[in-house]
Protein backbone atom coordinates (compact mmCIF):
# COMPACT_ATOMS: atom_id res chain seq x y z
CA MET A 1 -14.83 -3.97 -15.96
CA ILE A 2 -13.49 -6.80 -15.74
CA LYS A 3 -13.02 -7.90 -11.99
CA PRO A 4 -9.27 -7.13 -11.04
CA GLN A 5 -7.36 -8.84 -8.35
CA ILE A 6 -6.28 -5.92 -5.96
CA THR A 7 -3.56 -5.37 -4.32
CA LEU A 8 -2.70 -3.13 -1.17
CA ALA A 9 0.07 -1.17 -1.66
CA PRO A 10 3.26 -0.26 1.10
CA MET A 11 2.53 2.78 1.82
CA GLU A 12 5.54 3.04 4.34
CA GLY A 13 4.39 4.88 7.88
CA VAL A 14 1.41 4.58 7.36
CA ILE A 15 0.03 1.10 6.47
CA ASP A 16 0.95 -1.21 9.24
CA HIS A 17 -0.07 -4.36 10.20
CA LEU A 18 -2.77 -3.62 12.15
CA MET A 19 -4.24 -0.84 8.97
CA ARG A 20 -3.65 -4.41 7.19
CA GLN A 21 -5.82 -6.22 9.27
CA MET A 22 -8.67 -3.75 8.87
CA LEU A 23 -8.51 -2.87 5.66
CA THR A 24 -8.41 -6.48 4.54
CA SER A 25 -11.35 -7.60 7.16
CA PHE A 26 -13.76 -5.72 4.56
CA GLY A 27 -12.69 -8.58 1.68
CA GLY A 28 -11.50 -7.07 -1.97
CA ILE A 29 -8.05 -7.65 -1.09
CA ASP A 30 -6.51 -10.60 -2.12
CA LEU A 31 -2.50 -9.47 -1.71
CA CYS A 32 -1.27 -6.82 0.72
CA VAL A 33 2.98 -5.83 0.60
CA THR A 34 4.55 -4.73 3.68
CA GLU A 35 6.07 -1.35 4.64
CA PHE A 36 9.53 -1.44 3.29
CA ILE A 37 12.27 -2.51 5.07
CA ARG A 38 15.40 -0.48 4.31
CA ILE A 39 18.44 -3.00 3.18
CA VAL A 40 21.97 -1.53 3.30
CA ASP A 41 25.31 -3.21 4.62
CA GLN A 42 24.03 -6.03 6.57
CA LYS A 43 21.38 -9.33 6.88
CA LEU A 44 19.08 -7.71 9.43
CA PRO A 45 18.23 -9.83 12.69
CA GLU A 46 15.40 -12.06 12.44
CA ARG A 47 13.19 -10.19 15.22
CA VAL A 48 13.19 -6.93 12.55
CA PHE A 49 11.17 -8.92 9.84
CA TYR A 50 9.13 -9.52 12.27
CA ARG A 51 8.53 -6.46 13.43
CA TYR A 52 7.42 -5.31 10.45
CA CYS A 53 5.53 -8.44 9.26
CA PRO A 54 3.59 -9.71 11.67
CA GLU A 55 1.82 -11.55 9.89
CA LEU A 56 4.19 -14.53 9.87
CA TYR A 57 3.07 -15.59 12.74
CA ASN A 58 0.18 -16.30 10.86
CA GLY A 59 1.37 -18.56 7.68
CA CYS A 60 2.07 -14.70 6.79
CA LYS A 61 -1.84 -13.60 5.78
CA THR A 62 -3.45 -11.20 8.23
CA PRO A 63 -6.64 -12.63 10.32
CA SER A 64 -9.64 -12.38 7.15
CA GLY A 65 -6.48 -14.72 5.47
CA THR A 66 -4.95 -12.27 3.05
CA PRO A 67 -1.43 -13.14 1.91
CA VAL A 68 1.16 -10.80 3.06
CA ARG A 69 4.40 -10.22 1.07
CA ILE A 70 7.51 -8.79 2.53
CA GLN A 71 8.97 -5.55 0.23
CA LEU A 72 12.44 -4.82 0.47
CA LEU A 73 14.57 -1.54 0.07
CA GLY A 74 18.39 -0.94 -1.13
CA GLN A 75 21.13 -0.36 -3.88
CA ASP A 76 22.89 -3.38 -2.83
CA PRO A 77 21.94 -6.52 -5.38
CA ASP A 78 23.93 -9.25 -3.01
CA TRP A 79 22.93 -7.86 0.69
CA LEU A 80 18.96 -7.73 -0.69
CA ALA A 81 19.16 -11.06 -2.07
CA GLU A 82 20.90 -12.34 1.35
CA ASN A 83 17.53 -10.57 3.60
CA ALA A 84 15.45 -11.99 0.90
CA VAL A 85 16.53 -15.42 1.31
CA VAL A 86 15.45 -14.99 5.23
CA ALA A 87 12.26 -12.98 4.60
CA THR A 88 11.14 -16.26 2.51
CA ARG A 89 12.88 -19.00 5.23
CA LEU A 90 10.20 -16.80 7.95
CA GLY A 91 7.48 -17.44 5.66
CA SER A 92 6.97 -14.53 3.11
CA PRO A 93 5.27 -15.97 0.46
CA GLY A 94 7.39 -14.16 -2.34
CA ILE A 95 9.35 -10.98 -2.23
CA ASP A 96 8.64 -7.27 -3.44
CA LEU A 97 11.24 -4.62 -4.22
CA ASN A 98 10.78 -0.61 -3.74
CA PHE A 99 11.57 1.59 -6.54
CA GLY A 100 9.04 3.82 -5.89
CA CYS A 101 9.29 5.59 -2.57
CA PRO A 102 9.81 9.70 -3.42
CA ALA A 103 10.63 10.39 0.51
CA LYS A 104 13.84 12.61 0.34
CA ALA A 105 15.90 10.76 2.93
CA VAL A 106 15.14 7.14 1.38
CA ASN A 107 16.36 8.85 -1.67
CA LYS A 108 19.36 11.06 -0.98
CA SER A 109 20.35 7.52 0.22
CA ARG A 110 20.30 5.99 -2.97
CA GLY A 111 17.10 4.03 -2.31
CA GLY A 112 13.36 3.94 -3.36
CA ALA A 113 12.75 6.42 -7.04
CA ILE A 114 16.27 7.31 -6.85
CA LEU A 115 17.10 4.05 -8.36
CA LEU A 116 15.03 4.61 -11.45
CA LYS A 117 17.86 6.70 -12.87
CA GLU A 118 19.91 3.55 -13.21
CA PRO A 119 18.67 0.90 -15.14
CA ASP A 120 21.35 -1.73 -15.18
CA THR A 121 21.16 -1.20 -11.17
CA LEU A 122 17.32 -2.25 -11.23
CA TYR A 123 18.36 -5.52 -13.04
CA ARG A 124 21.05 -6.53 -11.31
CA ILE A 125 19.47 -6.23 -8.32
CA ALA A 126 16.42 -7.59 -9.65
CA LYS A 127 19.03 -10.97 -10.81
CA ALA A 128 20.29 -10.70 -7.88
CA VAL A 129 17.08 -11.02 -6.20
CA ARG A 130 15.60 -13.55 -8.22
CA ALA A 131 18.42 -15.69 -7.90
CA ALA A 132 18.95 -16.18 -4.60
CA VAL A 133 14.78 -16.88 -3.73
CA ASP A 134 13.17 -20.25 -4.42
CA SER A 135 11.65 -20.18 -8.05
CA ASN A 136 8.24 -21.38 -6.77
CA LEU A 137 8.14 -17.71 -5.14
CA PRO A 138 7.30 -14.75 -7.12
CA VAL A 139 9.57 -11.83 -6.84
CA THR A 140 8.27 -8.55 -8.22
CA ALA A 141 8.82 -5.15 -8.60
CA LYS A 142 7.07 -1.63 -7.66
CA MET A 143 8.35 1.42 -9.41
CA ARG A 144 7.22 5.11 -10.33
CA LEU A 145 7.19 6.33 -14.41
CA GLY A 146 10.69 7.79 -13.84
CA PHE A 147 12.52 10.40 -11.35
CA ASP A 148 12.35 13.62 -12.80
CA ASP A 149 10.45 12.54 -16.04
CA SER A 150 9.90 10.03 -18.35
CA SER A 151 12.24 9.05 -20.35
CA LEU A 152 13.54 5.35 -18.94
CA ALA A 153 10.18 4.36 -17.86
CA ILE A 154 10.51 1.26 -20.64
CA GLU A 155 14.13 0.60 -20.37
CA ASN A 156 13.52 0.44 -16.38
CA ALA A 157 10.25 -2.22 -16.76
CA GLN A 158 12.52 -3.88 -19.27
CA ALA A 159 15.47 -4.07 -17.03
CA LEU A 160 12.83 -5.41 -13.91
CA SER A 161 12.10 -7.87 -16.63
CA GLU A 162 14.92 -9.30 -17.74
CA GLY A 163 15.87 -9.51 -14.44
CA GLY A 164 13.10 -11.65 -13.40
CA VAL A 165 10.29 -10.11 -11.91
CA SER A 166 6.94 -12.10 -12.42
CA GLU A 167 4.46 -8.45 -11.92
CA ILE A 168 5.20 -4.85 -12.15
CA ALA A 169 3.14 -2.70 -10.16
CA ILE A 170 4.05 0.56 -11.65
CA HIS A 171 2.61 4.37 -9.84
CA ALA A 172 1.36 5.79 -13.16
CA ARG A 173 3.79 8.69 -11.75
CA THR A 174 6.97 10.49 -11.85
CA LYS A 175 8.67 10.99 -8.45
CA SER A 176 8.54 14.60 -9.44
CA ASP A 177 4.89 14.66 -9.78
CA GLY A 178 4.72 13.24 -6.09
CA TYR A 179 0.87 12.47 -5.68
CA LYS A 180 -0.79 15.28 -7.86
CA PRO A 181 -3.91 14.44 -10.16
CA PRO A 182 -3.81 13.22 -12.33
CA ALA A 183 -1.52 9.44 -13.36
CA TYR A 184 -0.77 8.81 -16.47
CA TRP A 185 -2.43 5.47 -16.71
CA GLU A 186 -2.42 5.69 -20.31
CA GLN A 187 1.58 5.31 -20.70
CA ILE A 188 1.66 2.40 -18.62
CA LYS A 189 -0.35 0.48 -21.66
CA SER A 190 3.05 2.17 -23.98
CA ILE A 191 5.28 0.28 -21.66
CA SER A 192 3.72 -3.03 -22.08
CA GLN A 193 4.07 -3.16 -25.53
CA HIS A 194 7.82 -3.48 -24.61
CA VAL A 195 7.87 -5.86 -21.88
CA ASP A 196 6.09 -9.38 -21.18
CA THR A 197 5.85 -9.61 -17.71
CA PRO A 198 2.55 -8.44 -16.03
CA LEU A 199 2.08 -4.69 -14.35
CA ILE A 200 -0.16 -3.84 -12.22
CA ALA A 201 -1.75 0.43 -12.40
CA ASN A 202 -1.41 2.32 -9.21
CA GLY A 203 -2.35 5.31 -8.88
CA GLU A 204 -5.65 7.71 -8.28
CA ILE A 205 -8.00 4.95 -8.16
CA TRP A 206 -11.00 6.47 -5.54
CA ASN A 207 -14.32 4.54 -7.16
CA PRO A 208 -15.50 1.87 -9.68
CA GLU A 209 -15.45 4.47 -12.31
CA GLN A 210 -12.12 5.30 -12.20
CA ALA A 211 -11.02 1.79 -11.46
CA ASN A 212 -12.68 0.43 -15.35
CA LEU A 213 -11.16 4.04 -17.02
CA CYS A 214 -7.87 3.13 -15.41
CA GLN A 215 -8.16 -0.68 -16.72
CA GLN A 216 -9.08 0.79 -20.52
CA ARG A 217 -6.42 3.40 -20.37
CA SER A 218 -3.09 1.29 -19.05
CA GLY A 219 -4.46 -1.70 -20.90
CA CYS A 220 -3.40 -3.58 -16.87
CA THR A 221 -6.60 -5.53 -15.58
CA ASN A 222 -5.62 -6.23 -12.20
CA LEU A 223 -4.79 -3.26 -9.50
CA MET A 224 -2.78 -1.45 -6.42
CA ILE A 225 -4.92 0.97 -4.38
CA GLY A 226 -3.52 2.26 -1.56
CA ARG A 227 -4.74 6.26 -0.75
CA GLY A 228 -7.94 5.36 -2.32
CA ALA A 229 -8.02 2.75 0.45
CA LEU A 230 -7.53 4.94 2.90
CA ALA A 231 -10.05 6.50 1.72
CA LEU A 232 -13.15 4.24 1.21
CA PRO A 233 -12.20 1.46 4.32
CA ASN A 234 -14.36 -0.95 1.48
CA LEU A 235 -12.97 0.43 -1.47
CA ALA A 236 -11.28 -2.64 -2.87
CA ALA A 237 -14.66 -4.57 -2.12
CA TRP A 238 -16.66 -1.46 -3.75
CA ILE A 239 -14.31 -2.12 -6.90
CA LYS A 240 -15.43 -5.91 -7.29
CA GLY A 241 -19.01 -4.72 -6.91
CA ASP A 242 -19.15 -7.09 -3.95
CA GLN A 243 -20.28 -3.84 -0.90
CA GLU A 244 -21.92 -0.79 -1.23
CA PRO A 245 -19.35 2.35 0.05
CA LEU A 246 -19.76 2.44 3.91
CA LEU A 247 -21.79 5.80 5.62
CA TRP A 248 -20.21 7.46 7.94
CA VAL A 249 -21.12 5.93 10.86
CA ASP A 250 -19.88 2.77 9.64
CA VAL A 251 -16.57 4.11 9.31
CA LEU A 252 -16.84 5.39 12.55
CA SER A 253 -17.87 1.96 14.13
CA LEU A 254 -14.68 1.07 12.38
CA LEU A 255 -12.27 3.15 14.67
CA ILE A 256 -14.33 2.16 17.78
CA SER A 257 -12.89 -1.75 17.02
CA TYR A 258 -9.49 0.57 15.93
CA SER A 259 -8.88 1.84 19.57
CA LYS A 260 -8.68 -2.31 21.01
CA HIS A 261 -5.39 -2.16 18.93
CA GLU A 262 -2.23 -0.05 20.32
CA ILE A 263 1.36 -0.60 20.03
CA GLU A 264 3.88 -1.33 23.15
CA GLY A 265 6.05 1.44 23.61
CA ASP A 266 4.17 3.45 22.02
CA LYS A 267 2.88 6.23 25.35
CA GLY A 268 -0.04 5.70 24.25
CA LEU A 269 -0.06 7.64 21.56
CA TYR A 270 -0.61 5.30 18.87
CA TYR A 271 -4.51 5.59 18.74
CA SER A 272 -4.73 8.88 18.84
CA ASN A 273 -2.22 9.80 16.21
CA ARG A 274 -3.49 7.53 13.66
CA VAL A 275 -7.75 8.56 13.81
CA LYS A 276 -6.01 11.80 13.16
CA GLN A 277 -3.26 10.65 9.77
CA TRP A 278 -6.12 8.51 8.74
CA MET A 279 -8.73 11.04 9.32
CA VAL A 280 -6.46 13.11 6.41
CA TYR A 281 -7.66 10.37 4.19
CA LEU A 282 -11.28 10.05 5.17
CA LYS A 283 -11.68 13.64 4.89
CA MET A 284 -11.67 12.90 0.57
CA THR A 285 -14.43 10.73 0.82
CA TYR A 286 -16.38 11.97 3.67
CA PRO A 287 -17.88 15.52 4.41
CA GLN A 288 -18.59 14.93 8.05
CA ALA A 289 -14.56 13.98 8.42
CA GLU A 290 -14.01 17.70 8.18
CA SER A 291 -15.13 18.99 11.00
CA PHE A 292 -14.62 16.20 13.09
CA PHE A 293 -10.95 16.83 12.56
CA ARG A 294 -11.02 19.49 13.93
CA ALA A 295 -13.05 18.33 16.62
CA ILE A 296 -10.34 15.66 17.60
CA ARG A 297 -6.74 17.34 15.94
CA THR A 298 -5.29 18.40 19.55
CA ILE A 299 -6.37 14.89 21.26
CA LYS A 300 -3.56 12.91 22.22
CA LYS A 301 -5.03 10.49 25.05
CA THR A 302 -6.57 7.28 24.05
CA ASP A 303 -9.77 7.51 25.74
CA GLU A 304 -10.06 11.26 25.27
CA MET A 305 -9.87 9.68 21.56
CA LEU A 306 -12.15 7.11 21.67
CA SER A 307 -15.13 9.03 23.70
CA ALA A 308 -15.01 11.94 21.16
CA ILE A 309 -15.68 9.13 18.39
CA HIS A 310 -18.17 7.69 20.39
CA LEU A 311 -20.79 11.07 20.85
CA GLU A 312 -19.44 11.43 17.10
CA HIS A 313 -21.62 8.18 16.59
CA HIS A 314 -24.32 8.54 18.57
CA LEU A 315 -24.83 12.20 17.18
CA HIS A 316 -25.13 10.33 13.40
CA SER A 317 -26.41 7.23 14.36
CA ASN A 318 -29.48 9.10 15.96
CA ILE A 319 -29.43 11.00 11.78
CA ALA A 320 -29.74 8.18 10.01
CA GLN A 321 -32.89 6.49 12.97
CA SER A 322 -33.96 10.04 12.34
CA LEU A 323 -33.89 9.68 8.59
CA VAL A 324 -35.83 6.01 8.80
CA LEU A 325 -38.71 7.10 10.94
CA SER A 326 -39.63 9.76 8.79
């Protein structure tokens, strides 16, 4: 397996700056992309960019030093270009454009994956943003294979390439596919035969074996991971051969350290809600997470959640110790 450059996917409502901080602390992740900032018909105030990307206060890097690129979503080339200038002026090391979001509310307002029906719009957006952003900074894009089907996949990638983007991350499913397996990695290889722009493969990468298979079938060296990184927090480092996968007791330690973070104005619900949200993904890797999730699903207060995690941690620490002693 060729060691890839790994990008942490932008998962709206899931991977915020605190999650980026946690996941990049293990190493292995080379770049993060923010949740999308929705652009409609105005230049947004600077505070919006800082809210989505507090890393701007730290040279646009996570505390562990991983670069963070701001992602924009919208349908108006000129407004996207104006906001891209603001984002890069504030310190974002480039701009990523979202043409992959499958959310119905976003698509209904002509954002995200719905634009995969309009290759010309993709071209005009890419061209406008590329022209506006400093030529030394990358403009990248994320897309799916299509909306209802993949009939425009090649044309959409060509539109973005001709518009001047420097990389295209492709989630190897259509909007209609959602997140149902499989991911059609081989279709990325077909696209690569029609564009010169480097492609990044995304979708259904849960372990090193799947990462290797994805590289082979997609023809891409570099990868993007999202749900896999939530299901196994050090997935990127495992793929690169730098670490073994975390044990459940290690994940619990991570959840305890996560308790230090709260969002101002969230009424104390951020931690408990995010732990439960995270547990949905952890259940994909850790069988222990299933019973633990049932035990905590009604908890709302941070102190109660933290107590439950400490108890679970104590239990599994004792189990691990007993195995060593035996």
